[in-house]
Every structure is written in structure tokens, then in C-alpha cells.
Amino acid sequence: MEWLDMKNTPSSVVVDRSRLILVLLPGMDGTGALFANFVNALHDAFETVTVSYPVERFLSYSELSDLVRASCPLFEPYMIVAESFSTPLAIQYAATKPANLTALVLCAGFSSSPIHGCRRFLGLLIAPIVFRIALPKYVARFWLLGLNAQLSLLETVRVVVSSVQPKVLAARLRAVLSCDARAELGEVAVPILYIQATQDRLVSASCLEEIQRIKPQTAVIVLDGPHLLLQQEHQRAAEVVADFVRQVTVPSGAR
């Protein structure tokens, strides 16, 4: 395992890795719209493909895997960057050993339900009703963006979340609480980077520990920020991803 603390580590996003493609898998909103600032922070260092999930109907992780497969390049090398909800999906997809996949980046992720015991049961119980009202500002700040989040970002997140049918969000929450990609994680052959948020109130450190038990060679970057790290700390996250790309060897036959 490689453990790096990036709180005070300077970097820059000036990478040319034969135009390696980044395939971005979104969080629970599924729209991909919240990647905008992260993509801008990459400064055209990479070509990006943002995968979007339906906003009006729920697709299981296995169904979403087909969507991811259809979105990934056939002949060019690429890396998957997945956040939160999509991290078990990225693991399951990588376990199939798709051609030209060079690495995985898991941000605020988990390989099985991030909540256990009574909290998990409560989550399953309230899933059908919790998304029936618009996302309150204080909830978005406390659980997702941090108390110091800019109002513009806060409003963007609320608008994006409200664009998804409540029944779809509820079903995705149930999928998260029931997921288990631990067996598949053991089959992943490409390098993995885990980006951990120090102020994450949704995904605890135990989720990373579980991944480390299965894949001890997982590289870990710690960034000071909330659960929506790619949104709140997009510049530093972009630098971390760019640095990781520099360390990943693109297969010679994948160009």
C-alpha cells in the first residue's frame, strides 16, 4: 500500500500520456453534471468521457455495467474515475478485465455497504421517503459539501439532485446499502488509487480499510475535504489524478 498525504503537496496538471482517456462515473445523482469543475481543472490534459445514468428509471449495478462497457473506448487506453455510488460498479466492471483499462481511481468509495447494523436497516427503511423533499441546504452542507461550501456550488448540487426522480434516488440508496463487490475487488488486476476525504460524513475510514485488506497494494491519497471531494476540491483532485496517471504504465499494445 502507498499512503500519501496531499494536504500540502504542490502539483500541476500538465500531462501528456498519449491522450489517455478518463472515463468518469458519477455519484448517486448519476447525471455526471457535477464533474464540470473537475473536468475544467484538468486543463485539457486528458480526453474525458462522462457516463450518465437515467434520471427517470433505476438501473441496477449489473445493468449499469453494460452502460459503462458501451461508454468505454474500444481501442484507446483509458482509466476509470468513479465516485461514491459508482465505486462498486467500477470494481465490478474492472474485475471483468476489459481491454485497454489501465487503472481505477475510487473517490470516497466502498466495496460493500458503507453502513452496517442498525444504521443500514434504518437507511433501507427510510429510502422510499427521504428523497421526496428537495435537498435542504443544511443537509447538503453537513453531509456532502462541508460547512464552508460556496453558495453557487451548493445550489448547483441541489438543482442537479432535484433533476433525478425521487424513486430513482431511493432505489440507488438501497443498491448502495445492499452492494457487495468484495469478491470482484480481489479479481481486479489494474492499479487502484483511493482518494479519501478527511471530512467525509457518509463514507467512513472502515470502507478504505476493507479495500486495503483485499488489495493491500492500493495507493491512497488523503485530501482535506468533504464527501463531494471532486466538486469541493476539484483542483487538488485533478492534480492527484494527473500525478497518478504519470505513475501508471499504459500497455504498449493499447495505443
Protein backbone atom coordinates (compact mmCIF):
# COMPACT_ATOMS: atom_id res chain seq x y z
CA MET A 1 0.00 0.00 0.00
CA GLU A 2 1.15 3.52 -0.76
CA TRP A 3 -0.12 6.19 1.61
CA LEU A 4 0.36 9.81 0.60
CA ASP A 5 -0.96 12.88 2.36
CA MET A 6 -1.67 15.54 -0.26
CA LYS A 7 -2.80 18.33 2.07
CA ASN A 8 0.35 20.36 1.49
CA THR A 9 1.81 18.71 -1.61
CA PRO A 10 2.05 21.05 -4.61
CA SER A 11 1.43 19.69 -8.10
CA SER A 12 0.27 20.80 -11.50
CA VAL A 13 -1.87 19.29 -14.22
CA VAL A 14 0.43 19.20 -17.23
CA VAL A 15 0.24 15.65 -18.51
CA ASP A 16 0.51 14.13 -21.92
CA ARG A 17 0.06 10.39 -21.58
CA SER A 18 -0.68 9.74 -25.23
CA ARG A 19 -4.08 11.31 -24.57
CA LEU A 20 -5.12 8.64 -22.11
CA ILE A 21 -8.89 8.88 -21.70
CA LEU A 22 -10.58 9.35 -18.35
CA VAL A 23 -14.00 7.68 -18.06
CA LEU A 24 -15.92 9.39 -15.26
CA LEU A 25 -18.58 7.51 -13.31
CA PRO A 26 -20.84 9.80 -11.22
CA GLY A 27 -22.14 9.70 -7.68
CA MET A 28 -25.71 8.98 -6.67
CA ASP A 29 -27.22 11.73 -8.81
CA GLY A 30 -25.94 9.81 -11.81
CA THR A 31 -26.12 12.79 -14.16
CA GLY A 32 -22.41 13.49 -14.48
CA ALA A 33 -23.18 17.22 -14.36
CA LEU A 34 -21.27 17.63 -11.10
CA PHE A 35 -17.99 16.72 -12.82
CA ALA A 36 -17.86 20.07 -14.67
CA ASN A 37 -15.40 21.82 -12.36
CA PHE A 38 -13.20 18.73 -12.06
CA VAL A 39 -13.02 18.38 -15.84
CA ASN A 40 -12.16 22.09 -16.19
CA ALA A 41 -9.41 21.69 -13.60
CA LEU A 42 -7.76 19.04 -15.78
CA HIS A 43 -6.96 21.81 -18.30
CA ASP A 44 -7.41 19.56 -21.35
CA ALA A 45 -4.65 17.24 -20.12
CA PHE A 46 -6.96 14.33 -20.89
CA GLU A 47 -9.89 13.50 -23.05
CA THR A 48 -12.81 12.74 -20.75
CA VAL A 49 -15.93 10.65 -21.19
CA THR A 50 -18.66 11.29 -18.64
CA VAL A 51 -21.10 8.44 -18.20
CA SER A 52 -24.65 9.48 -17.31
CA TYR A 53 -27.34 7.25 -15.80
CA PRO A 54 -31.07 7.59 -16.47
CA VAL A 55 -32.82 10.17 -14.28
CA GLU A 56 -36.30 8.64 -14.61
CA ARG A 57 -35.65 4.93 -14.18
CA PHE A 58 -33.44 2.86 -11.92
CA LEU A 59 -30.76 0.57 -13.30
CA SER A 60 -29.09 -2.00 -11.08
CA TYR A 61 -25.31 -2.19 -10.82
CA SER A 62 -25.28 -5.07 -13.31
CA GLU A 63 -27.39 -3.08 -15.76
CA LEU A 64 -25.19 -0.03 -15.31
CA SER A 65 -22.16 -2.19 -16.04
CA ASP A 66 -23.48 -2.71 -19.57
CA LEU A 67 -23.85 1.07 -19.91
CA VAL A 68 -20.27 1.61 -18.73
CA ARG A 69 -18.96 -1.01 -21.13
CA ALA A 70 -20.72 0.69 -24.03
CA SER A 71 -19.23 4.05 -22.99
CA CYS A 72 -15.61 2.94 -22.70
CA PRO A 73 -13.14 3.21 -25.60
CA LEU A 74 -12.66 0.11 -27.70
CA PHE A 75 -9.06 0.67 -28.77
CA GLU A 76 -7.56 3.52 -26.73
CA PRO A 77 -6.10 3.21 -23.20
CA TYR A 78 -8.34 4.61 -20.51
CA MET A 79 -8.70 4.97 -16.77
CA ILE A 80 -11.93 4.95 -14.79
CA VAL A 81 -12.52 7.64 -12.17
CA ALA A 82 -15.51 6.67 -10.04
CA GLU A 83 -17.00 8.47 -7.08
CA SER A 84 -19.14 7.21 -4.22
CA PHE A 85 -22.19 5.39 -5.64
CA SER A 86 -20.26 4.25 -8.71
CA THR A 87 -17.25 2.77 -6.96
CA PRO A 88 -18.70 -0.77 -6.56
CA LEU A 89 -19.74 -0.55 -10.21
CA ALA A 90 -16.20 0.40 -11.26
CA ILE A 91 -14.80 -2.51 -9.25
CA GLN A 92 -17.25 -4.99 -10.77
CA TYR A 93 -16.51 -3.73 -14.26
CA ALA A 94 -12.73 -3.83 -13.78
CA ALA A 95 -12.97 -7.40 -12.50
CA THR A 96 -14.07 -8.47 -15.99
CA LYS A 97 -10.61 -7.36 -17.18
CA PRO A 98 -11.77 -5.19 -20.10
CA ALA A 99 -9.20 -4.48 -22.80
CA ASN A 100 -7.22 -1.22 -22.51
CA LEU A 101 -8.33 -0.38 -18.96
CA THR A 102 -5.15 0.85 -17.26
CA ALA A 103 -6.24 1.78 -13.73
CA LEU A 104 -9.05 2.67 -11.34
CA VAL A 105 -9.50 5.78 -9.23
CA LEU A 106 -12.02 5.36 -6.41
CA CYS A 107 -13.06 8.59 -4.71
CA ALA A 108 -14.93 8.38 -1.39
CA GLY A 109 -15.68 4.79 -2.31
CA PHE A 110 -16.55 1.40 -0.91
CA SER A 111 -16.60 -2.24 -1.97
CA SER A 112 -19.60 -3.17 0.16
CA SER A 113 -22.29 -1.26 2.04
CA PRO A 114 -20.67 1.74 3.80
CA ILE A 115 -23.25 1.50 6.56
CA HIS A 116 -23.84 -1.53 8.77
CA GLY A 117 -26.04 -2.73 11.60
CA CYS A 118 -28.98 -0.62 12.75
CA ARG A 119 -27.97 2.34 10.59
CA ARG A 120 -28.12 0.18 7.48
CA PHE A 121 -31.55 -1.14 8.46
CA LEU A 122 -32.75 2.41 9.09
CA GLY A 123 -31.38 3.51 5.74
CA LEU A 124 -33.26 0.76 3.94
CA LEU A 125 -36.39 1.73 5.86
CA ILE A 126 -36.32 5.45 5.05
CA ALA A 127 -35.02 5.12 1.47
CA PRO A 128 -38.52 5.35 -0.10
CA ILE A 129 -39.29 8.67 1.62
CA VAL A 130 -36.01 10.50 2.21
CA PHE A 131 -35.81 11.98 -1.31
CA ARG A 132 -39.40 13.17 -1.56
CA ILE A 133 -38.46 16.68 -0.49
CA ALA A 134 -35.87 18.98 -2.06
CA LEU A 135 -32.39 18.59 -0.64
CA PRO A 136 -32.19 21.06 2.29
CA LYS A 137 -29.21 23.41 2.28
CA TYR A 138 -28.06 22.42 5.75
CA VAL A 139 -28.18 18.73 4.79
CA ALA A 140 -26.14 19.36 1.65
CA ARG A 141 -23.56 21.33 3.63
CA PHE A 142 -23.30 18.91 6.56
CA TRP A 143 -23.27 15.61 4.66
CA LEU A 144 -21.95 16.45 1.20
CA LEU A 145 -20.08 19.72 0.74
CA GLY A 146 -18.83 20.93 4.09
CA LEU A 147 -19.98 23.89 6.14
CA ASN A 148 -17.84 26.34 4.15
CA ALA A 149 -19.14 25.38 0.72
CA GLN A 150 -19.79 28.25 -1.66
CA LEU A 151 -23.43 29.08 -2.25
CA SER A 152 -23.07 28.66 -6.02
CA LEU A 153 -21.82 25.08 -5.66
CA LEU A 154 -24.46 24.35 -3.04
CA GLU A 155 -27.22 25.49 -5.38
CA THR A 156 -25.76 23.53 -8.28
CA VAL A 157 -25.79 20.34 -6.25
CA ARG A 158 -29.38 20.93 -5.12
CA VAL A 159 -30.54 21.59 -8.71
CA VAL A 160 -28.77 18.50 -10.06
CA VAL A 161 -30.15 16.23 -7.33
CA SER A 162 -33.66 17.58 -7.88
CA SER A 163 -33.41 16.68 -11.58
CA VAL A 164 -33.46 12.99 -10.68
CA GLN A 165 -36.71 11.21 -9.87
CA PRO A 166 -37.00 10.56 -6.09
CA LYS A 167 -37.85 6.91 -6.71
CA VAL A 168 -34.60 6.53 -8.65
CA LEU A 169 -32.52 8.10 -5.88
CA ALA A 170 -34.24 5.88 -3.32
CA ALA A 171 -33.51 2.78 -5.36
CA ARG A 172 -29.87 3.81 -5.73
CA LEU A 173 -29.61 4.26 -1.98
CA ARG A 174 -30.99 0.74 -1.48
CA ALA A 175 -28.46 -0.54 -4.03
CA VAL A 176 -25.61 1.09 -2.09
CA LEU A 177 -26.79 -0.40 1.20
CA SER A 178 -27.03 -3.86 -0.37
CA CYS A 179 -23.93 -3.84 -2.57
CA ASP A 180 -21.05 -6.26 -2.21
CA ALA A 181 -18.18 -6.09 -4.70
CA ARG A 182 -15.54 -7.58 -2.42
CA ALA A 183 -15.12 -10.77 -4.43
CA GLU A 184 -14.78 -8.77 -7.63
CA LEU A 185 -12.26 -6.45 -5.99
CA GLY A 186 -10.00 -9.43 -5.47
CA GLU A 187 -10.10 -10.06 -9.23
CA VAL A 188 -9.09 -6.53 -10.28
CA ALA A 189 -5.71 -6.66 -11.99
CA VAL A 190 -5.06 -2.97 -12.72
CA PRO A 191 -3.59 -0.43 -10.27
CA ILE A 192 -6.05 1.23 -7.90
CA LEU A 193 -5.90 4.69 -6.37
CA TYR A 194 -8.21 5.51 -3.48
CA ILE A 195 -8.85 9.19 -2.75
CA GLN A 196 -10.03 9.67 0.82
CA ALA A 197 -11.78 12.78 2.14
CA THR A 198 -10.84 13.65 5.71
CA GLN A 199 -14.25 15.24 6.38
CA ASP A 200 -16.38 12.55 4.76
CA ARG A 201 -19.52 12.08 6.89
CA LEU A 202 -21.03 9.40 4.65
CA VAL A 203 -18.17 7.00 3.89
CA SER A 204 -16.05 6.12 6.91
CA ALA A 205 -12.40 5.08 7.05
CA SER A 206 -13.55 1.47 7.54
CA CYS A 207 -14.50 1.36 3.84
CA LEU A 208 -10.92 2.07 2.86
CA GLU A 209 -9.65 -0.44 5.41
CA GLU A 210 -11.85 -3.11 3.84
CA ILE A 211 -10.44 -2.34 0.40
CA GLN A 212 -6.91 -2.45 1.79
CA ARG A 213 -7.47 -5.87 3.33
CA ILE A 214 -8.42 -7.22 -0.08
CA LYS A 215 -5.99 -5.12 -2.14
CA PRO A 216 -3.04 -4.12 0.10
CA GLN A 217 -1.26 -2.56 -2.87
CA THR A 218 -3.96 0.09 -3.27
CA ALA A 219 -2.42 3.57 -3.42
CA VAL A 220 -4.09 6.05 -1.07
CA ILE A 221 -4.25 9.84 -1.28
CA VAL A 222 -5.73 11.82 1.62
CA LEU A 223 -7.29 15.19 0.82
CA ASP A 224 -8.78 17.58 3.32
CA GLY A 225 -12.37 17.94 2.23
CA PRO A 226 -15.96 16.64 2.35
CA HIS A 227 -17.69 13.70 0.69
CA LEU A 228 -18.15 15.53 -2.63
CA LEU A 229 -14.41 15.93 -2.97
CA LEU A 230 -14.29 16.15 -6.77
CA GLN A 231 -16.69 19.06 -6.55
CA GLN A 232 -15.48 20.98 -3.49
CA GLU A 233 -11.76 20.30 -4.03
CA HIS A 234 -11.73 19.85 -7.79
CA GLN A 235 -8.34 21.48 -8.40
CA ARG A 236 -6.44 19.33 -5.92
CA ALA A 237 -8.33 16.22 -7.01
CA ALA A 238 -7.37 16.91 -10.63
CA GLU A 239 -3.73 17.23 -9.62
CA VAL A 240 -3.90 13.93 -7.72
CA VAL A 241 -5.38 12.12 -10.72
CA ALA A 242 -2.80 13.64 -13.06
CA ASP A 243 0.03 12.54 -10.76
CA PHE A 244 -1.40 9.03 -10.64
CA VAL A 245 -1.55 8.87 -14.44
CA ARG A 246 2.16 9.63 -14.55
CA GLN A 247 2.78 6.52 -12.45
CA VAL A 248 0.58 4.19 -14.48
CA THR A 249 2.16 2.32 -17.36
CA VAL A 250 -0.01 2.33 -20.47
CA PRO A 251 0.19 -1.13 -22.10
CA SER A 252 2.26 -0.95 -25.29
CA GLY A 253 -0.42 -2.80 -27.24
CA ALA A 254 -3.13 -0.38 -26.18
CA ARG A 255 -2.08 2.63 -28.22
